[in-house]
Amino acid sequence: PQLVADMASQFLLGLQKESVEGCLKHFPGHGDTKADTHYGYAESLKTWDELKDCEMIPFQKGIATGAQMVMTAHVCLPNVTGGSIPSTLSPMILGDILRGRLGFKGVIITDSMGMGAITQQYSPEEAAIVAIEAGVDIVLDPADYVSAFEAVVSAVESGRISMARIDESVSRVLELKKKILRQRGQLLI
C-alpha cells in the first residue's frame, strides 16, 4: 500500500505540474474482490480496520497530495456498511468515510453507472438519484442518460433531493474548472 501511495502521489504531482488534475480511483478499493463490477455484484469482506491498513493508505496520501477528484467503485463492503449496497451508492462510504474520516473536499465521480454491478440491481433512474443522495457530484455514464436526468430533475422538484444538495455538487465542479483554467492562464479573475 505504501509503494502504491508513493507512486500515485508522485504521478499526481507530475500531472498537477502540467495543469492536469488526476483522479484517484476506485474508492474505497477494488484489490481483493473476486468478481468484476463490469458484469455484476462484487464485494470485499474486509472490515474498516483492514481497509485502513491497506486500501485507505493510497487514498489518504493522494488526498494529502491535493487530488481534486475521486472515482467510486461499485464494490460492496458488507462488513463496513452492514449491507450489500455498492460503495457508489453508500452515504456511509462517501459521506462518513471519504468526506468525513479522510477529509476529501473535492469532486466525487462515479464509475460507469452502466456497469452490471449497478444495472443488475437498480434502474438508471434510481441509481442516479441514490448516487447523488450518497454524495456523488458527477454521475458518469448512466445506462439511460435521458431517464436518469429526468429522474434527478423530478427528485429535485419533489423535494427528495434538495436544491442545496445539487448546488453543493455544482459548486465543487465549478471550483475545479476555475482552478484548472487559472493554472492554464485562461481565467483572469
C-alpha atoms as a PDB file:
ATOM      1  CA  PRO A   1       0.000   0.000   0.000  1.00  0.00           C
ATOM      2  CA  GLN A   2       2.792   2.442   0.807  1.00  0.00           C
ATOM      3  CA  LEU A   3       4.514   1.893  -2.538  1.00  0.00           C
ATOM      4  CA  VAL A   4       1.224   2.466  -4.366  1.00  0.00           C
ATOM      5  CA  ALA A   5       0.624   5.587  -2.257  1.00  0.00           C
ATOM      6  CA  ASP A   6       4.083   6.956  -3.044  1.00  0.00           C
ATOM      7  CA  MET A   7       3.813   6.224  -6.756  1.00  0.00           C
ATOM      8  CA  ALA A   8       0.293   7.607  -7.073  1.00  0.00           C
ATOM      9  CA  SER A   9       1.180  10.816  -5.233  1.00  0.00           C
ATOM     10  CA  GLN A  10       4.218  11.365  -7.457  1.00  0.00           C
ATOM     11  CA  PHE A  11       2.069  10.774 -10.526  1.00  0.00           C
ATOM     12  CA  LEU A  12      -0.475  13.303  -9.216  1.00  0.00           C
ATOM     13  CA  LEU A  13       2.276  15.863  -8.647  1.00  0.00           C
ATOM     14  CA  GLY A  14       3.510  15.354 -12.205  1.00  0.00           C
ATOM     15  CA  LEU A  15       0.022  15.850 -13.591  1.00  0.00           C
ATOM     16  CA  GLN A  16      -0.538  18.935 -11.429  1.00  0.00           C
ATOM     17  CA  LYS A  17       2.744  20.433 -12.668  1.00  0.00           C
ATOM     18  CA  GLU A  18       1.268  20.289 -16.185  1.00  0.00           C
ATOM     19  CA  SER A  19      -2.109  21.741 -15.097  1.00  0.00           C
ATOM     20  CA  VAL A  20      -3.863  18.380 -15.302  1.00  0.00           C
ATOM     21  CA  GLU A  21      -5.993  17.113 -12.432  1.00  0.00           C
ATOM     22  CA  GLY A  22      -5.713  13.417 -11.696  1.00  0.00           C
ATOM     23  CA  CYS A  23      -8.490  11.268 -10.305  1.00  0.00           C
ATOM     24  CA  LEU A  24      -7.948   8.715  -7.542  1.00  0.00           C
ATOM     25  CA  LYS A  25      -9.825   5.503  -8.210  1.00  0.00           C
ATOM     26  CA  HIS A  26     -11.597   3.216  -7.449  1.00  0.00           C
ATOM     27  CA  PHE A  27     -12.681   4.233  -3.950  1.00  0.00           C
ATOM     28  CA  PRO A  28     -12.713   2.502  -1.482  1.00  0.00           C
ATOM     29  CA  GLY A  29     -10.549  -0.090  -3.207  1.00  0.00           C
ATOM     30  CA  HIS A  30     -11.021  -2.995  -5.548  1.00  0.00           C
ATOM     31  CA  GLY A  31      -7.945  -5.051  -4.734  1.00  0.00           C
ATOM     32  CA  ASP A  32      -9.331  -8.134  -3.074  1.00  0.00           C
ATOM     33  CA  THR A  33     -12.605  -8.594  -4.929  1.00  0.00           C
ATOM     34  CA  LYS A  34     -13.050 -11.828  -6.831  1.00  0.00           C
ATOM     35  CA  ALA A  35     -15.785 -10.580  -9.174  1.00  0.00           C
ATOM     36  CA  ASP A  36     -15.750  -7.847 -11.810  1.00  0.00           C
ATOM     37  CA  THR A  37     -18.172  -4.963 -11.298  1.00  0.00           C
ATOM     38  CA  HIS A  38     -18.451  -4.565 -15.072  1.00  0.00           C
ATOM     39  CA  TYR A  39     -20.548  -7.730 -15.062  1.00  0.00           C
ATOM     40  CA  GLY A  40     -22.256  -7.879 -11.667  1.00  0.00           C
ATOM     41  CA  TYR A  41     -22.092  -7.892  -7.896  1.00  0.00           C
ATOM     42  CA  ALA A  42     -18.645  -7.692  -6.309  1.00  0.00           C
ATOM     43  CA  GLU A  43     -17.766  -7.467  -2.647  1.00  0.00           C
ATOM     44  CA  SER A  44     -14.856  -7.180  -0.300  1.00  0.00           C
ATOM     45  CA  LEU A  45     -15.274  -8.820   3.073  1.00  0.00           C
ATOM     46  CA  LYS A  46     -12.669  -6.609   4.724  1.00  0.00           C
ATOM     47  CA  THR A  47     -13.503  -4.704   7.875  1.00  0.00           C
ATOM     48  CA  TRP A  48     -12.914  -0.975   8.298  1.00  0.00           C
ATOM     49  CA  ASP A  49      -9.724  -1.701  10.266  1.00  0.00           C
ATOM     50  CA  GLU A  50      -8.440  -3.917   7.446  1.00  0.00           C
ATOM     51  CA  LEU A  51      -9.262  -1.242   4.864  1.00  0.00           C
ATOM     52  CA  LYS A  52      -7.474   1.424   6.947  1.00  0.00           C
ATOM     53  CA  ASP A  53      -4.342  -0.717   6.989  1.00  0.00           C
ATOM     54  CA  CYS A  54      -4.314  -1.300   3.239  1.00  0.00           C
ATOM     55  CA  GLU A  55      -6.738   0.284   0.766  1.00  0.00           C
ATOM     56  CA  MET A  56      -7.036   3.648   2.523  1.00  0.00           C
ATOM     57  CA  ILE A  57      -3.291   4.335   2.556  1.00  0.00           C
ATOM     58  CA  PRO A  58      -3.028   5.346  -1.139  1.00  0.00           C
ATOM     59  CA  PHE A  59      -6.248   7.353  -0.957  1.00  0.00           C
ATOM     60  CA  GLN A  60      -5.091   9.214   2.156  1.00  0.00           C
ATOM     61  CA  LYS A  61      -1.784  10.127   0.547  1.00  0.00           C
ATOM     62  CA  GLY A  62      -3.457  11.113  -2.719  1.00  0.00           C
ATOM     63  CA  ILE A  63      -5.847  13.396  -0.876  1.00  0.00           C
ATOM     64  CA  ALA A  64      -2.957  14.896   1.095  1.00  0.00           C
ATOM     65  CA  THR A  65      -1.121  15.439  -2.216  1.00  0.00           C
ATOM     66  CA  GLY A  66      -4.033  17.523  -3.450  1.00  0.00           C
ATOM     67  CA  ALA A  67      -6.162  15.182  -5.539  1.00  0.00           C
ATOM     68  CA  GLN A  68      -9.287  17.066  -6.570  1.00  0.00           C
ATOM     69  CA  MET A  69     -11.283  14.082  -7.853  1.00  0.00           C
ATOM     70  CA  VAL A  70     -12.092  10.595  -6.598  1.00  0.00           C
ATOM     71  CA  MET A  71     -13.890   7.950  -8.647  1.00  0.00           C
ATOM     72  CA  THR A  72     -16.058   5.483  -6.792  1.00  0.00           C
ATOM     73  CA  ALA A  73     -16.107   1.705  -7.050  1.00  0.00           C
ATOM     74  CA  HIS A  74     -19.302  -0.303  -7.223  1.00  0.00           C
ATOM     75  CA  VAL A  75     -17.827  -2.745  -4.689  1.00  0.00           C
ATOM     76  CA  CYS A  76     -19.980  -3.732  -1.715  1.00  0.00           C
ATOM     77  CA  LEU A  77     -18.444  -3.741   1.767  1.00  0.00           C
ATOM     78  CA  PRO A  78     -20.901  -5.659   3.949  1.00  0.00           C
ATOM     79  CA  ASN A  79     -18.513  -5.784   6.924  1.00  0.00           C
ATOM     80  CA  VAL A  80     -18.282  -1.993   6.869  1.00  0.00           C
ATOM     81  CA  THR A  81     -21.777  -0.885   5.848  1.00  0.00           C
ATOM     82  CA  GLY A  82     -23.765  -3.809   7.206  1.00  0.00           C
ATOM     83  CA  GLY A  83     -25.444  -4.346   3.836  1.00  0.00           C
ATOM     84  CA  SER A  84     -24.963  -5.078   0.173  1.00  0.00           C
ATOM     85  CA  ILE A  85     -25.159  -1.546  -1.239  1.00  0.00           C
ATOM     86  CA  PRO A  86     -22.460  -0.649  -3.777  1.00  0.00           C
ATOM     87  CA  SER A  87     -19.989   1.901  -2.404  1.00  0.00           C
ATOM     88  CA  THR A  88     -21.025   4.317  -5.167  1.00  0.00           C
ATOM     89  CA  LEU A  89     -24.481   4.495  -3.579  1.00  0.00           C
ATOM     90  CA  SER A  90     -23.469   4.431   0.079  1.00  0.00           C
ATOM     91  CA  PRO A  91     -23.714   7.595   2.194  1.00  0.00           C
ATOM     92  CA  MET A  92     -21.541   5.835   4.768  1.00  0.00           C
ATOM     93  CA  ILE A  93     -18.724   5.151   2.305  1.00  0.00           C
ATOM     94  CA  LEU A  94     -18.857   8.500   0.509  1.00  0.00           C
ATOM     95  CA  GLY A  95     -20.027  10.813   3.290  1.00  0.00           C
ATOM     96  CA  ASP A  96     -18.830   9.337   6.558  1.00  0.00           C
ATOM     97  CA  ILE A  97     -15.596   7.798   5.281  1.00  0.00           C
ATOM     98  CA  LEU A  98     -14.397   9.674   2.178  1.00  0.00           C
ATOM     99  CA  ARG A  99     -15.578  13.153   3.108  1.00  0.00           C
ATOM    100  CA  GLY A 100     -15.607  12.668   6.895  1.00  0.00           C
ATOM    101  CA  ARG A 101     -12.745  10.456   8.037  1.00  0.00           C
ATOM    102  CA  LEU A 102     -10.466  11.146   5.053  1.00  0.00           C
ATOM    103  CA  GLY A 103     -11.417  14.832   4.748  1.00  0.00           C
ATOM    104  CA  PHE A 104     -11.864  14.817   0.970  1.00  0.00           C
ATOM    105  CA  LYS A 105     -13.388  18.083  -0.226  1.00  0.00           C
ATOM    106  CA  GLY A 106     -13.160  17.659  -3.998  1.00  0.00           C
ATOM    107  CA  VAL A 107     -15.352  16.174  -6.719  1.00  0.00           C
ATOM    108  CA  ILE A 108     -16.701  12.634  -6.365  1.00  0.00           C
ATOM    109  CA  ILE A 109     -17.450  10.967  -9.690  1.00  0.00           C
ATOM    110  CA  THR A 110     -18.989   7.549 -10.136  1.00  0.00           C
ATOM    111  CA  ASP A 111     -17.513   4.791 -12.205  1.00  0.00           C
ATOM    112  CA  SER A 112     -19.738   3.984 -15.172  1.00  0.00           C
ATOM    113  CA  MET A 113     -23.307   3.589 -13.977  1.00  0.00           C
ATOM    114  CA  GLY A 114     -23.904   1.306 -16.957  1.00  0.00           C
ATOM    115  CA  MET A 115     -21.883  -1.478 -15.325  1.00  0.00           C
ATOM    116  CA  GLY A 116     -23.539  -4.715 -14.218  1.00  0.00           C
ATOM    117  CA  ALA A 117     -22.952  -4.095 -10.502  1.00  0.00           C
ATOM    118  CA  ILE A 118     -25.389  -1.202 -10.826  1.00  0.00           C
ATOM    119  CA  THR A 119     -27.718  -2.184 -13.680  1.00  0.00           C
ATOM    120  CA  GLN A 120     -28.479  -5.623 -12.256  1.00  0.00           C
ATOM    121  CA  GLN A 121     -29.759  -4.114  -9.005  1.00  0.00           C
ATOM    122  CA  TYR A 122     -31.002  -0.618  -9.885  1.00  0.00           C
ATOM    123  CA  SER A 123     -32.810   1.185 -12.673  1.00  0.00           C
ATOM    124  CA  PRO A 124     -30.868   4.055 -14.277  1.00  0.00           C
ATOM    125  CA  GLU A 125     -33.274   6.464 -12.600  1.00  0.00           C
ATOM    126  CA  GLU A 126     -32.924   5.102  -9.070  1.00  0.00           C
ATOM    127  CA  ALA A 127     -29.152   4.631  -9.406  1.00  0.00           C
ATOM    128  CA  ALA A 128     -28.632   8.289 -10.369  1.00  0.00           C
ATOM    129  CA  ILE A 129     -30.838   9.563  -7.554  1.00  0.00           C
ATOM    130  CA  VAL A 130     -29.308   7.325  -4.885  1.00  0.00           C
ATOM    131  CA  ALA A 131     -25.770   8.201  -6.028  1.00  0.00           C
ATOM    132  CA  ILE A 132     -26.487  11.916  -5.631  1.00  0.00           C
ATOM    133  CA  GLU A 133     -28.132  11.314  -2.257  1.00  0.00           C
ATOM    134  CA  ALA A 134     -24.995   9.402  -1.199  1.00  0.00           C
ATOM    135  CA  GLY A 135     -22.779  12.376  -2.061  1.00  0.00           C
ATOM    136  CA  VAL A 136     -21.741  11.900  -5.683  1.00  0.00           C
ATOM    137  CA  ASP A 137     -21.115  15.082  -7.660  1.00  0.00           C
ATOM    138  CA  ILE A 138     -20.954  13.618 -11.184  1.00  0.00           C
ATOM    139  CA  VAL A 139     -22.971  10.593 -12.319  1.00  0.00           C
ATOM    140  CA  LEU A 140     -20.896   9.040 -15.094  1.00  0.00           C
ATOM    141  CA  ASP A 141     -22.404   7.127 -17.985  1.00  0.00           C
ATOM    142  CA  PRO A 142     -25.850   6.110 -16.753  1.00  0.00           C
ATOM    143  CA  ALA A 143     -27.413   3.190 -18.628  1.00  0.00           C
ATOM    144  CA  ASP A 144     -30.072   5.599 -19.942  1.00  0.00           C
ATOM    145  CA  TYR A 145     -28.967   9.246 -19.891  1.00  0.00           C
ATOM    146  CA  VAL A 146     -32.346  10.802 -20.572  1.00  0.00           C
ATOM    147  CA  SER A 147     -34.300   8.843 -17.979  1.00  0.00           C
ATOM    148  CA  ALA A 148     -31.567   9.304 -15.351  1.00  0.00           C
ATOM    149  CA  PHE A 149     -31.529  13.064 -15.968  1.00  0.00           C
ATOM    150  CA  GLU A 150     -35.310  13.345 -15.892  1.00  0.00           C
ATOM    151  CA  ALA A 151     -35.458  11.295 -12.692  1.00  0.00           C
ATOM    152  CA  VAL A 152     -32.962  13.592 -10.964  1.00  0.00           C
ATOM    153  CA  VAL A 153     -34.931  16.666 -12.072  1.00  0.00           C
ATOM    154  CA  SER A 154     -38.133  15.074 -10.736  1.00  0.00           C
ATOM    155  CA  ALA A 155     -36.404  14.164  -7.469  1.00  0.00           C
ATOM    156  CA  VAL A 156     -35.378  17.804  -7.028  1.00  0.00           C
ATOM    157  CA  GLU A 157     -38.847  19.082  -7.950  1.00  0.00           C
ATOM    158  CA  SER A 158     -40.482  16.689  -5.459  1.00  0.00           C
ATOM    159  CA  GLY A 159     -38.022  17.589  -2.700  1.00  0.00           C
ATOM    160  CA  ARG A 160     -36.425  14.143  -2.467  1.00  0.00           C
ATOM    161  CA  ILE A 161     -33.124  15.811  -3.410  1.00  0.00           C
ATOM    162  CA  SER A 162     -32.753  19.374  -2.215  1.00  0.00           C
ATOM    163  CA  MET A 163     -31.592  22.168  -4.472  1.00  0.00           C
ATOM    164  CA  ALA A 164     -28.923  22.846  -1.842  1.00  0.00           C
ATOM    165  CA  ARG A 165     -27.563  19.326  -2.423  1.00  0.00           C
ATOM    166  CA  ILE A 166     -27.378  19.985  -6.173  1.00  0.00           C
ATOM    167  CA  ASP A 167     -25.739  23.358  -5.518  1.00  0.00           C
ATOM    168  CA  GLU A 168     -23.025  21.663  -3.424  1.00  0.00           C
ATOM    169  CA  SER A 169     -22.043  19.485  -6.366  1.00  0.00           C
ATOM    170  CA  VAL A 170     -22.280  22.292  -8.906  1.00  0.00           C
ATOM    171  CA  SER A 171     -20.078  24.460  -6.692  1.00  0.00           C
ATOM    172  CA  ARG A 172     -17.400  21.763  -6.379  1.00  0.00           C
ATOM    173  CA  VAL A 173     -17.363  21.119 -10.138  1.00  0.00           C
ATOM    174  CA  LEU A 174     -17.208  24.837 -10.985  1.00  0.00           C
ATOM    175  CA  GLU A 175     -14.416  25.448  -8.459  1.00  0.00           C
ATOM    176  CA  LEU A 176     -12.385  22.650 -10.025  1.00  0.00           C
ATOM    177  CA  LYS A 177     -12.958  24.067 -13.513  1.00  0.00           C
ATOM    178  CA  LYS A 178     -11.885  27.535 -12.326  1.00  0.00           C
ATOM    179  CA  LYS A 179      -8.750  26.099 -10.733  1.00  0.00           C
ATOM    180  CA  ILE A 180      -7.757  24.346 -13.946  1.00  0.00           C
ATOM    181  CA  LEU A 181      -8.430  27.439 -16.064  1.00  0.00           C
ATOM    182  CA  ARG A 182      -6.402  29.622 -13.652  1.00  0.00           C
ATOM    183  CA  GLN A 183      -3.488  27.174 -13.800  1.00  0.00           C
ATOM    184  CA  ARG A 184      -3.565  27.343 -17.585  1.00  0.00           C
ATOM    185  CA  GLY A 185      -3.744  31.135 -17.568  1.00  0.00           C
ATOM    186  CA  GLN A 186      -7.175  31.053 -19.186  1.00  0.00           C
ATOM    187  CA  LEU A 187      -9.088  32.584 -16.266  1.00  0.00           C
ATOM    188  CA  LEU A 188      -8.102  36.087 -15.296  1.00  0.00           C
ATOM    189  CA  ILE A 189     -10.419  36.601 -12.285  1.00  0.00           C
END
